[in-house]
Each structure stands twice: as structure tokens, then as C-alpha cells.
Amino acid sequence: MTLPAPTYDLVLLLDPQADEAARAKLIDDTRAAIESQGELLRHDRWGERALAYPIDRKASAEYHLLQFHVANTDLLGTLDRTLRLADEALRFRIIKLAPGVGAPPDMSSGARRAEAEGATPEARPAPPPPAPGAAEPAAAEPAAEPAAGEPAGAEAAAPDAPTGEGEPAAGVAAGEQG
């Protein structure tokens, strides 16, 4: 019994400041190389995204994901050499996927927006109401009255805390003193 050809992911980060025609040619050449020696499963254009750290003084890149099957691993060396020499490619990574790995996430702008909207507090479900007969949550206790001679709102200073003329009072920012 022969095993199916392994699946590979090629994540390609292109320079968004490079000529559009040069970027398109690099993508077309990469797709053609994959299709000539293997089977292209998908090509996802993730668009321009911010980089986690600058690469060649660039803050963003145009992301592409290409998934493909290939039995002859000579293609991997060819892709590696071609993409290393291409000035339009900021970074790339070819990864052999383990059998059974699920599909990549949908990174289109509409899917990202819906995912971000789902993460807002308004979209989260409200906590369930308390069970009948359950005790009500305790109300917050009122603040203690200040001791005689102590101004209202003053916090007790620790006995070993330094007190000096130029230091702000505890709990008061330096710019808020009157």
C-alpha cells in the first residue's frame, strides 16, 4: 500500500513596497513550479498585515499561504533557492504537515472582523441568573470612618515607609498636589 504524497505549507511574506507586477510574477512562478511537480491544494491571499518586528526596515508584508502535495522533494529545494534569491520575498517558510492536521484558519478580512466582533464584551453571553433560593451576593462594606485627627480620604502609611517634605502623600500622584 502506498502512502499519499505529504502535504506542505508555504507561507510567503512579500514586500508590499515592491512593484505589483514583480510580486504577481513571483506568485505565478511559484504556483507554476508547484503545479508542474505536484498538486496545489489551495492558495490563500491573507493581504497586507503588520509584522511582529521589522524586516529590512519594513513594518508590514503581504501574506500568502500555499498548500500543496508533492512526492518528489526536489521541488522543495527549487522553491527554497528561488525564494531566497527573490528580492520581493521578505520571508518564507516551507513546512511538512503531519497527517491529520486540520485546514488552516480563514484569514480573510471579513472573517477576521467577525472574529474580532465576537470577542467584544457585548457579544459575550450574560452570566446565568442565581439559582432560586441561593444567597444574594454580599454588598460591599462601607468605608471605615477616619480616626480623630486624620483627614478624610488619607491612607494609613506603613510604619517603615519614609515620610519627607518633598514626597507626595500616599495615594496622590505627584502632579495632583495642591
N, C-alpha and C. Protein backbone atom coordinates (compact mmCIF):
# COMPACT_ATOMS: atom_id res chain seq x y z
N MET A 1 0.85 -1.18 0.00
CA MET A 1 0.00 0.00 0.00
C MET A 1 0.89 1.23 0.00
N THR A 2 0.65 2.15 -0.92
CA THR A 2 1.46 3.36 -0.99
C THR A 2 0.79 4.47 -0.20
N LEU A 3 1.62 5.23 0.44
CA LEU A 3 1.12 6.37 1.22
C LEU A 3 0.87 7.55 0.29
N PRO A 4 -0.11 8.39 0.62
CA PRO A 4 -0.33 9.58 -0.20
C PRO A 4 0.85 10.55 -0.06
N ALA A 5 1.00 11.40 -1.06
CA ALA A 5 2.07 12.39 -1.03
C ALA A 5 1.87 13.31 0.18
N PRO A 6 2.96 13.68 0.84
CA PRO A 6 2.81 14.56 2.01
C PRO A 6 2.31 15.95 1.61
N THR A 7 1.67 16.59 2.55
CA THR A 7 1.16 17.95 2.36
C THR A 7 2.15 18.94 2.95
N TYR A 8 2.38 20.02 2.20
CA TYR A 8 3.30 21.07 2.64
C TYR A 8 2.57 22.40 2.67
N ASP A 9 2.98 23.25 3.60
CA ASP A 9 2.53 24.64 3.67
C ASP A 9 3.69 25.52 3.27
N LEU A 10 3.44 26.47 2.40
CA LEU A 10 4.41 27.51 2.08
C LEU A 10 3.78 28.83 2.48
N VAL A 11 4.35 29.46 3.50
CA VAL A 11 3.90 30.78 3.93
C VAL A 11 4.92 31.77 3.37
N LEU A 12 4.43 32.72 2.60
CA LEU A 12 5.28 33.64 1.87
C LEU A 12 4.92 35.06 2.25
N LEU A 13 5.92 35.83 2.70
CA LEU A 13 5.75 37.23 3.06
C LEU A 13 6.44 38.07 2.00
N LEU A 14 5.65 38.85 1.27
CA LEU A 14 6.18 39.66 0.19
C LEU A 14 6.28 41.12 0.62
N ASP A 15 7.25 41.82 0.04
CA ASP A 15 7.46 43.23 0.30
C ASP A 15 6.33 44.04 -0.34
N PRO A 16 5.49 44.73 0.45
CA PRO A 16 4.39 45.48 -0.14
C PRO A 16 4.86 46.70 -0.93
N GLN A 17 6.10 47.13 -0.74
CA GLN A 17 6.63 48.28 -1.46
C GLN A 17 7.25 47.87 -2.80
N ALA A 18 7.39 46.56 -3.04
CA ALA A 18 7.91 46.09 -4.31
C ALA A 18 6.86 46.30 -5.40
N ASP A 19 7.31 46.30 -6.64
CA ASP A 19 6.42 46.50 -7.78
C ASP A 19 5.35 45.40 -7.80
N GLU A 20 4.10 45.80 -8.03
CA GLU A 20 2.98 44.85 -8.06
C GLU A 20 3.20 43.76 -9.10
N ALA A 21 3.73 44.13 -10.26
CA ALA A 21 3.97 43.15 -11.32
C ALA A 21 5.03 42.13 -10.89
N ALA A 22 6.06 42.57 -10.17
CA ALA A 22 7.11 41.66 -9.71
C ALA A 22 6.57 40.69 -8.66
N ARG A 23 5.72 41.19 -7.76
CA ARG A 23 5.12 40.30 -6.75
C ARG A 23 4.20 39.28 -7.41
N ALA A 24 3.40 39.73 -8.37
CA ALA A 24 2.49 38.82 -9.07
C ALA A 24 3.27 37.76 -9.85
N LYS A 25 4.37 38.16 -10.48
CA LYS A 25 5.19 37.20 -11.23
C LYS A 25 5.80 36.15 -10.29
N LEU A 26 6.26 36.58 -9.11
CA LEU A 26 6.83 35.63 -8.15
C LEU A 26 5.77 34.62 -7.71
N ILE A 27 4.56 35.08 -7.43
CA ILE A 27 3.47 34.18 -7.02
C ILE A 27 3.13 33.23 -8.16
N ASP A 28 3.01 33.77 -9.38
CA ASP A 28 2.68 32.93 -10.55
C ASP A 28 3.76 31.88 -10.80
N ASP A 29 5.03 32.28 -10.70
CA ASP A 29 6.12 31.33 -10.91
C ASP A 29 6.12 30.24 -9.83
N THR A 30 5.84 30.62 -8.60
CA THR A 30 5.79 29.65 -7.50
C THR A 30 4.64 28.68 -7.71
N ARG A 31 3.48 29.19 -8.07
CA ARG A 31 2.33 28.32 -8.34
C ARG A 31 2.62 27.38 -9.51
N ALA A 32 3.24 27.89 -10.56
CA ALA A 32 3.56 27.06 -11.74
C ALA A 32 4.54 25.95 -11.38
N ALA A 33 5.53 26.27 -10.57
CA ALA A 33 6.51 25.25 -10.15
C ALA A 33 5.83 24.16 -9.34
N ILE A 34 4.93 24.55 -8.44
CA ILE A 34 4.22 23.57 -7.61
C ILE A 34 3.31 22.71 -8.49
N GLU A 35 2.57 23.33 -9.39
CA GLU A 35 1.63 22.58 -10.23
C GLU A 35 2.33 21.68 -11.22
N SER A 36 3.58 22.01 -11.60
CA SER A 36 4.30 21.16 -12.56
C SER A 36 4.83 19.88 -11.92
N GLN A 37 5.11 19.93 -10.62
CA GLN A 37 5.70 18.76 -9.96
C GLN A 37 4.82 18.20 -8.85
N GLY A 38 3.70 18.81 -8.59
CA GLY A 38 2.83 18.35 -7.51
C GLY A 38 1.41 18.79 -7.74
N GLU A 39 0.67 18.91 -6.65
CA GLU A 39 -0.74 19.30 -6.73
C GLU A 39 -0.97 20.46 -5.76
N LEU A 40 -1.37 21.61 -6.31
CA LEU A 40 -1.67 22.78 -5.50
C LEU A 40 -3.06 22.59 -4.90
N LEU A 41 -3.15 22.55 -3.58
CA LEU A 41 -4.43 22.35 -2.90
C LEU A 41 -5.18 23.66 -2.69
N ARG A 42 -4.46 24.69 -2.29
CA ARG A 42 -5.09 25.98 -2.02
C ARG A 42 -4.06 27.09 -2.05
N HIS A 43 -4.53 28.28 -2.37
CA HIS A 43 -3.71 29.48 -2.30
C HIS A 43 -4.56 30.55 -1.63
N ASP A 44 -4.20 30.89 -0.41
CA ASP A 44 -4.93 31.91 0.34
C ASP A 44 -4.13 33.20 0.34
N ARG A 45 -4.78 34.26 -0.09
CA ARG A 45 -4.16 35.60 -0.03
C ARG A 45 -4.66 36.25 1.26
N TRP A 46 -3.77 36.39 2.22
CA TRP A 46 -4.15 36.94 3.51
C TRP A 46 -4.04 38.46 3.54
N GLY A 47 -3.50 39.05 2.50
CA GLY A 47 -3.43 40.51 2.42
C GLY A 47 -2.25 41.08 3.19
N GLU A 48 -2.22 42.38 3.25
CA GLU A 48 -1.12 43.07 3.94
C GLU A 48 -1.43 43.11 5.43
N ARG A 49 -0.42 42.72 6.20
CA ARG A 49 -0.55 42.68 7.66
C ARG A 49 0.70 43.24 8.31
N ALA A 50 0.56 43.73 9.51
CA ALA A 50 1.70 44.24 10.27
C ALA A 50 2.59 43.08 10.68
N LEU A 51 3.89 43.33 10.65
CA LEU A 51 4.85 42.33 11.10
C LEU A 51 5.05 42.44 12.61
N ALA A 52 5.43 41.36 13.23
CA ALA A 52 5.69 41.37 14.67
C ALA A 52 6.94 42.19 14.98
N TYR A 53 7.88 42.21 14.05
CA TYR A 53 9.10 43.01 14.18
C TYR A 53 9.52 43.42 12.78
N PRO A 54 10.22 44.53 12.64
CA PRO A 54 10.59 44.99 11.30
C PRO A 54 11.55 44.01 10.61
N ILE A 55 11.35 43.83 9.31
CA ILE A 55 12.25 43.03 8.48
C ILE A 55 12.73 43.95 7.38
N ASP A 56 14.02 44.14 7.28
CA ASP A 56 14.60 45.05 6.28
C ASP A 56 13.93 46.42 6.35
N ARG A 57 13.69 46.90 7.56
CA ARG A 57 13.07 48.20 7.83
C ARG A 57 11.65 48.31 7.29
N LYS A 58 10.98 47.20 7.15
CA LYS A 58 9.60 47.17 6.68
C LYS A 58 8.72 46.76 7.86
N ALA A 59 7.60 47.45 8.04
CA ALA A 59 6.71 47.18 9.17
C ALA A 59 5.55 46.27 8.80
N SER A 60 5.34 46.02 7.49
CA SER A 60 4.23 45.16 7.08
C SER A 60 4.68 44.31 5.90
N ALA A 61 3.88 43.28 5.61
CA ALA A 61 4.16 42.39 4.49
C ALA A 61 2.85 41.89 3.92
N GLU A 62 2.90 41.46 2.68
CA GLU A 62 1.76 40.84 2.00
C GLU A 62 1.89 39.33 2.22
N TYR A 63 0.92 38.73 2.89
CA TYR A 63 0.99 37.31 3.28
C TYR A 63 0.26 36.43 2.26
N HIS A 64 0.87 35.28 1.97
CA HIS A 64 0.27 34.25 1.11
C HIS A 64 0.51 32.90 1.76
N LEU A 65 -0.49 32.02 1.68
CA LEU A 65 -0.36 30.63 2.12
C LEU A 65 -0.67 29.75 0.92
N LEU A 66 0.28 28.87 0.59
CA LEU A 66 0.07 27.90 -0.48
C LEU A 66 0.21 26.52 0.14
N GLN A 67 -0.81 25.68 0.00
CA GLN A 67 -0.76 24.29 0.46
C GLN A 67 -0.70 23.41 -0.75
N PHE A 68 0.18 22.41 -0.69
CA PHE A 68 0.35 21.54 -1.85
C PHE A 68 0.82 20.16 -1.44
N HIS A 69 0.58 19.19 -2.32
CA HIS A 69 1.11 17.83 -2.20
C HIS A 69 2.27 17.73 -3.17
N VAL A 70 3.32 17.05 -2.77
CA VAL A 70 4.43 16.78 -3.67
C VAL A 70 5.10 15.49 -3.22
N ALA A 71 5.35 14.60 -4.18
CA ALA A 71 6.02 13.35 -3.88
C ALA A 71 7.53 13.50 -4.07
N ASN A 72 7.93 14.28 -5.06
CA ASN A 72 9.34 14.48 -5.36
C ASN A 72 9.83 15.71 -4.59
N THR A 73 10.71 15.51 -3.64
CA THR A 73 11.15 16.62 -2.77
C THR A 73 12.15 17.54 -3.45
N ASP A 74 12.51 17.27 -4.70
CA ASP A 74 13.38 18.20 -5.43
C ASP A 74 12.72 19.56 -5.57
N LEU A 75 11.40 19.57 -5.64
CA LEU A 75 10.66 20.83 -5.74
C LEU A 75 10.94 21.73 -4.54
N LEU A 76 11.08 21.14 -3.36
CA LEU A 76 11.31 21.94 -2.15
C LEU A 76 12.62 22.70 -2.26
N GLY A 77 13.66 22.05 -2.77
CA GLY A 77 14.95 22.71 -2.96
C GLY A 77 14.87 23.82 -4.00
N THR A 78 14.12 23.56 -5.06
CA THR A 78 13.94 24.57 -6.11
C THR A 78 13.21 25.79 -5.56
N LEU A 79 12.13 25.56 -4.81
CA LEU A 79 11.39 26.67 -4.21
C LEU A 79 12.27 27.44 -3.24
N ASP A 80 13.01 26.74 -2.44
CA ASP A 80 13.89 27.37 -1.46
C ASP A 80 14.90 28.28 -2.16
N ARG A 81 15.55 27.77 -3.18
CA ARG A 81 16.56 28.55 -3.90
C ARG A 81 15.93 29.76 -4.59
N THR A 82 14.80 29.57 -5.25
CA THR A 82 14.13 30.66 -5.98
C THR A 82 13.68 31.76 -5.04
N LEU A 83 13.07 31.39 -3.91
CA LEU A 83 12.54 32.38 -2.99
C LEU A 83 13.65 33.11 -2.22
N ARG A 84 14.78 32.43 -1.99
CA ARG A 84 15.91 33.10 -1.33
C ARG A 84 16.48 34.20 -2.23
N LEU A 85 16.47 33.98 -3.54
CA LEU A 85 17.04 34.95 -4.47
C LEU A 85 16.08 36.08 -4.83
N ALA A 86 14.80 35.89 -4.60
CA ALA A 86 13.81 36.89 -4.98
C ALA A 86 13.84 38.07 -4.01
N ASP A 87 14.04 39.25 -4.56
CA ASP A 87 14.07 40.46 -3.72
C ASP A 87 12.70 40.80 -3.14
N GLU A 88 11.64 40.35 -3.79
CA GLU A 88 10.28 40.66 -3.34
C GLU A 88 9.88 39.86 -2.10
N ALA A 89 10.55 38.73 -1.85
CA ALA A 89 10.20 37.87 -0.70
C ALA A 89 10.98 38.33 0.53
N LEU A 90 10.24 38.80 1.53
CA LEU A 90 10.89 39.18 2.79
C LEU A 90 11.24 37.94 3.61
N ARG A 91 10.29 37.01 3.72
CA ARG A 91 10.47 35.76 4.45
C ARG A 91 9.58 34.70 3.81
N PHE A 92 9.94 33.44 4.01
CA PHE A 92 9.10 32.32 3.61
C PHE A 92 9.43 31.14 4.49
N ARG A 93 8.50 30.21 4.57
CA ARG A 93 8.72 29.01 5.37
C ARG A 93 7.96 27.88 4.71
N ILE A 94 8.65 26.77 4.48
CA ILE A 94 8.03 25.57 3.93
C ILE A 94 7.98 24.55 5.06
N ILE A 95 6.78 24.06 5.35
CA ILE A 95 6.58 23.14 6.48
C ILE A 95 5.86 21.90 5.98
N LYS A 96 6.37 20.75 6.36
CA LYS A 96 5.69 19.49 6.06
C LYS A 96 4.67 19.25 7.16
N LEU A 97 3.41 19.12 6.76
CA LEU A 97 2.34 18.94 7.74
C LEU A 97 2.23 17.48 8.15
N ALA A 98 1.93 17.25 9.40
CA ALA A 98 1.70 15.90 9.90
C ALA A 98 0.35 15.42 9.36
N PRO A 99 0.21 14.13 9.14
CA PRO A 99 -1.08 13.61 8.66
C PRO A 99 -2.19 13.94 9.67
N GLY A 100 -3.34 14.34 9.15
CA GLY A 100 -4.48 14.63 10.02
C GLY A 100 -4.57 16.06 10.50
N VAL A 101 -3.64 16.92 10.10
CA VAL A 101 -3.70 18.32 10.51
C VAL A 101 -4.89 18.97 9.81
N GLY A 102 -5.64 19.75 10.56
CA GLY A 102 -6.84 20.39 10.02
C GLY A 102 -6.52 21.49 9.04
N ALA A 103 -7.55 22.03 8.46
CA ALA A 103 -7.40 23.11 7.49
C ALA A 103 -6.92 24.38 8.19
N PRO A 104 -6.21 25.24 7.46
CA PRO A 104 -5.76 26.49 8.08
C PRO A 104 -6.94 27.40 8.35
N PRO A 105 -6.78 28.37 9.26
CA PRO A 105 -7.88 29.28 9.57
C PRO A 105 -8.19 30.19 8.40
N ASP A 106 -9.41 30.69 8.36
CA ASP A 106 -9.81 31.64 7.33
C ASP A 106 -9.33 33.02 7.78
N MET A 107 -8.33 33.53 7.09
CA MET A 107 -7.72 34.79 7.49
C MET A 107 -8.16 35.96 6.62
N SER A 108 -9.25 35.80 5.89
CA SER A 108 -9.74 36.90 5.07
C SER A 108 -10.19 38.04 5.99
N SER A 109 -10.23 39.24 5.46
CA SER A 109 -10.55 40.40 6.30
C SER A 109 -11.95 40.30 6.89
N GLY A 110 -12.93 39.76 6.17
CA GLY A 110 -14.28 39.62 6.70
C GLY A 110 -14.34 38.64 7.85
N ALA A 111 -13.59 37.54 7.75
CA ALA A 111 -13.58 36.55 8.84
C ALA A 111 -12.89 37.12 10.07
N ARG A 112 -11.81 37.89 9.86
CA ARG A 112 -11.11 38.49 10.99
C ARG A 112 -12.01 39.49 11.69
N ARG A 113 -12.76 40.28 10.92
CA ARG A 113 -13.64 41.29 11.51
C ARG A 113 -14.72 40.62 12.34
N ALA A 114 -15.33 39.55 11.81
CA ALA A 114 -16.39 38.85 12.55
C ALA A 114 -15.82 38.22 13.81
N GLU A 115 -14.60 37.69 13.71
CA GLU A 115 -13.97 37.08 14.87
C GLU A 115 -13.68 38.13 15.93
N ALA A 116 -13.22 39.31 15.50
CA ALA A 116 -12.93 40.38 16.44
C ALA A 116 -14.21 40.89 17.09
N GLU A 117 -15.27 40.98 16.32
CA GLU A 117 -16.54 41.43 16.89
C GLU A 117 -17.09 40.43 17.89
N GLY A 118 -16.84 39.16 17.68
CA GLY A 118 -17.30 38.12 18.61
C GLY A 118 -16.55 38.17 19.92
N ALA A 119 -15.39 38.82 19.94
CA ALA A 119 -14.59 38.88 21.15
C ALA A 119 -14.93 40.08 22.02
N THR A 120 -15.88 40.93 21.59
CA THR A 120 -16.23 42.10 22.38
C THR A 120 -17.05 41.69 23.59
N PRO A 121 -16.97 42.45 24.66
CA PRO A 121 -17.73 42.09 25.87
C PRO A 121 -19.23 42.07 25.63
N GLU A 122 -19.74 42.93 24.73
CA GLU A 122 -21.17 42.96 24.49
C GLU A 122 -21.66 41.65 23.88
N ALA A 123 -20.78 40.98 23.11
CA ALA A 123 -21.18 39.76 22.42
C ALA A 123 -21.09 38.52 23.32
N ARG A 124 -20.45 38.67 24.44
CA ARG A 124 -20.34 37.53 25.35
C ARG A 124 -21.68 37.30 26.04
N PRO A 125 -22.01 36.04 26.31
CA PRO A 125 -23.30 35.78 26.98
C PRO A 125 -23.27 36.29 28.42
N ALA A 126 -24.41 36.73 28.88
CA ALA A 126 -24.53 37.22 30.25
C ALA A 126 -24.41 36.03 31.20
N PRO A 127 -23.89 36.26 32.41
CA PRO A 127 -23.81 35.16 33.36
C PRO A 127 -25.20 34.68 33.72
N PRO A 128 -25.35 33.41 34.05
CA PRO A 128 -26.68 32.89 34.38
C PRO A 128 -27.20 33.52 35.66
N PRO A 129 -28.53 33.66 35.77
CA PRO A 129 -29.09 34.24 36.99
C PRO A 129 -28.87 33.27 38.15
N PRO A 130 -28.84 33.80 39.38
CA PRO A 130 -28.63 32.92 40.52
C PRO A 130 -29.78 31.93 40.65
N ALA A 131 -29.45 30.78 41.15
CA ALA A 131 -30.45 29.72 41.34
C ALA A 131 -31.47 30.18 42.38
N PRO A 132 -32.74 29.72 42.25
CA PRO A 132 -33.74 30.10 43.25
C PRO A 132 -33.32 29.62 44.63
N GLY A 133 -33.45 30.49 45.60
CA GLY A 133 -33.11 30.14 46.98
C GLY A 133 -31.64 30.34 47.29
N ALA A 134 -30.86 30.73 46.31
CA ALA A 134 -29.44 30.96 46.56
C ALA A 134 -29.27 32.28 47.29
N ALA A 135 -28.22 32.36 48.07
CA ALA A 135 -27.97 33.57 48.85
C ALA A 135 -27.56 34.70 47.90
N GLU A 136 -28.04 35.90 48.22
CA GLU A 136 -27.67 37.07 47.44
C GLU A 136 -26.21 37.38 47.71
N PRO A 137 -25.48 37.90 46.72
CA PRO A 137 -24.10 38.28 46.98
C PRO A 137 -24.05 39.39 48.01
N ALA A 138 -23.06 39.36 48.86
CA ALA A 138 -22.91 40.34 49.92
C ALA A 138 -22.58 41.70 49.32
N ALA A 139 -23.19 42.74 49.86
CA ALA A 139 -22.92 44.10 49.40
C ALA A 139 -21.57 44.52 49.95
N ALA A 140 -20.95 45.44 49.26
CA ALA A 140 -19.65 45.93 49.71
C ALA A 140 -19.83 46.66 51.03
N GLU A 141 -18.89 46.45 51.92
CA GLU A 141 -18.98 47.09 53.23
C GLU A 141 -18.63 48.56 53.10
N PRO A 142 -19.27 49.43 53.89
CA PRO A 142 -18.94 50.85 53.81
C PRO A 142 -17.51 51.09 54.30
N ALA A 143 -16.92 52.17 53.81
CA ALA A 143 -15.54 52.50 54.19
C ALA A 143 -15.50 52.86 55.67
N ALA A 144 -14.39 52.55 56.31
CA ALA A 144 -14.23 52.85 57.73
C ALA A 144 -14.10 54.36 57.92
N GLU A 145 -14.60 54.84 59.03
CA GLU A 145 -14.51 56.25 59.37
C GLU A 145 -13.07 56.58 59.70
N PRO A 146 -12.59 57.78 59.31
CA PRO A 146 -11.22 58.15 59.66
C PRO A 146 -11.10 58.39 61.16
N ALA A 147 -9.93 58.09 61.67
CA ALA A 147 -9.66 58.29 63.09
C ALA A 147 -9.58 59.78 63.37
N ALA A 148 -9.74 60.16 64.65
CA ALA A 148 -9.69 61.56 65.04
C ALA A 148 -8.32 62.13 64.70
N GLY A 149 -8.29 63.31 64.13
CA GLY A 149 -7.04 63.95 63.78
C GLY A 149 -6.50 63.54 62.42
N GLU A 150 -7.17 62.58 61.77
CA GLU A 150 -6.71 62.12 60.46
C GLU A 150 -7.66 62.69 59.40
N PRO A 151 -7.12 63.30 58.35
CA PRO A 151 -8.01 63.87 57.34
C PRO A 151 -8.76 62.78 56.59
N ALA A 152 -9.96 63.10 56.11
CA ALA A 152 -10.78 62.13 55.40
C ALA A 152 -10.09 61.76 54.09
N GLY A 153 -10.10 60.48 53.75
CA GLY A 153 -9.51 60.01 52.50
C GLY A 153 -8.04 59.71 52.60
N ALA A 154 -7.40 59.98 53.71
CA ALA A 154 -5.97 59.70 53.85
C ALA A 154 -5.78 58.22 54.10
N GLU A 155 -4.76 57.67 53.50
CA GLU A 155 -4.46 56.26 53.69
C GLU A 155 -3.42 56.13 54.79
N ALA A 156 -3.52 55.06 55.52
CA ALA A 156 -2.55 54.83 56.59
C ALA A 156 -1.21 54.49 55.98
N ALA A 157 -0.17 55.17 56.39
CA ALA A 157 1.18 54.90 55.88
C ALA A 157 1.78 53.77 56.69
N ALA A 158 2.58 52.98 56.04
CA ALA A 158 3.26 51.89 56.73
C ALA A 158 4.26 52.50 57.70
N PRO A 159 4.47 51.85 58.85
CA PRO A 159 5.36 52.44 59.85
C PRO A 159 6.79 52.59 59.34
N ASP A 160 7.24 51.74 58.42
CA ASP A 160 8.62 51.84 57.95
C ASP A 160 8.74 52.65 56.67
N ALA A 161 7.61 53.20 56.18
CA ALA A 161 7.64 53.99 54.95
C ALA A 161 8.25 55.35 55.24
N PRO A 162 9.16 55.81 54.39
CA PRO A 162 9.78 57.12 54.63
C PRO A 162 8.76 58.23 54.40
N THR A 163 8.82 59.22 55.23
CA THR A 163 7.97 60.39 55.04
C THR A 163 8.90 61.59 54.98
N GLY A 164 8.70 62.40 53.99
CA GLY A 164 9.56 63.57 53.85
C GLY A 164 8.76 64.72 53.32
N GLU A 165 9.37 65.88 53.33
CA GLU A 165 8.69 67.08 52.90
C GLU A 165 8.36 67.04 51.42
N GLY A 166 9.29 66.59 50.55
CA GLY A 166 9.10 66.67 49.13
C GLY A 166 8.34 65.49 48.54
N GLU A 167 7.97 64.50 49.33
CA GLU A 167 7.31 63.31 48.80
C GLU A 167 5.79 63.51 48.76
N PRO A 168 5.15 63.00 47.70
CA PRO A 168 3.69 63.12 47.66
C PRO A 168 3.06 62.22 48.71
N ALA A 169 1.87 62.58 49.13
CA ALA A 169 1.14 61.77 50.11
C ALA A 169 0.76 60.45 49.47
N ALA A 170 0.58 59.43 50.27
CA ALA A 170 0.23 58.11 49.77
C ALA A 170 -1.07 58.18 49.00
N GLY A 171 -1.09 57.61 47.82
CA GLY A 171 -2.31 57.56 47.02
C GLY A 171 -2.55 58.82 46.19
N VAL A 172 -1.65 59.79 46.25
CA VAL A 172 -1.81 61.01 45.48
C VAL A 172 -0.66 61.09 44.50
N ALA A 173 -0.97 61.32 43.25
CA ALA A 173 0.06 61.42 42.23
C ALA A 173 0.84 62.72 42.44
N ALA A 174 2.08 62.74 42.00
CA ALA A 174 2.96 63.88 42.23
C ALA A 174 2.40 65.15 41.60
N GLY A 175 1.72 65.05 40.47
CA GLY A 175 1.21 66.23 39.79
C GLY A 175 -0.13 66.71 40.36
N GLU A 176 -0.70 66.03 41.35
CA GLU A 176 -2.01 66.39 41.86
C GLU A 176 -1.96 67.14 43.20
N GLN A 177 -0.78 67.42 43.71
CA GLN A 177 -0.72 68.10 44.99
C GLN A 177 -1.08 69.55 44.83
N GLY A 178 -1.71 70.11 45.85
CA GLY A 178 -2.16 71.49 45.76
C GLY A 178 -1.32 72.43 46.42
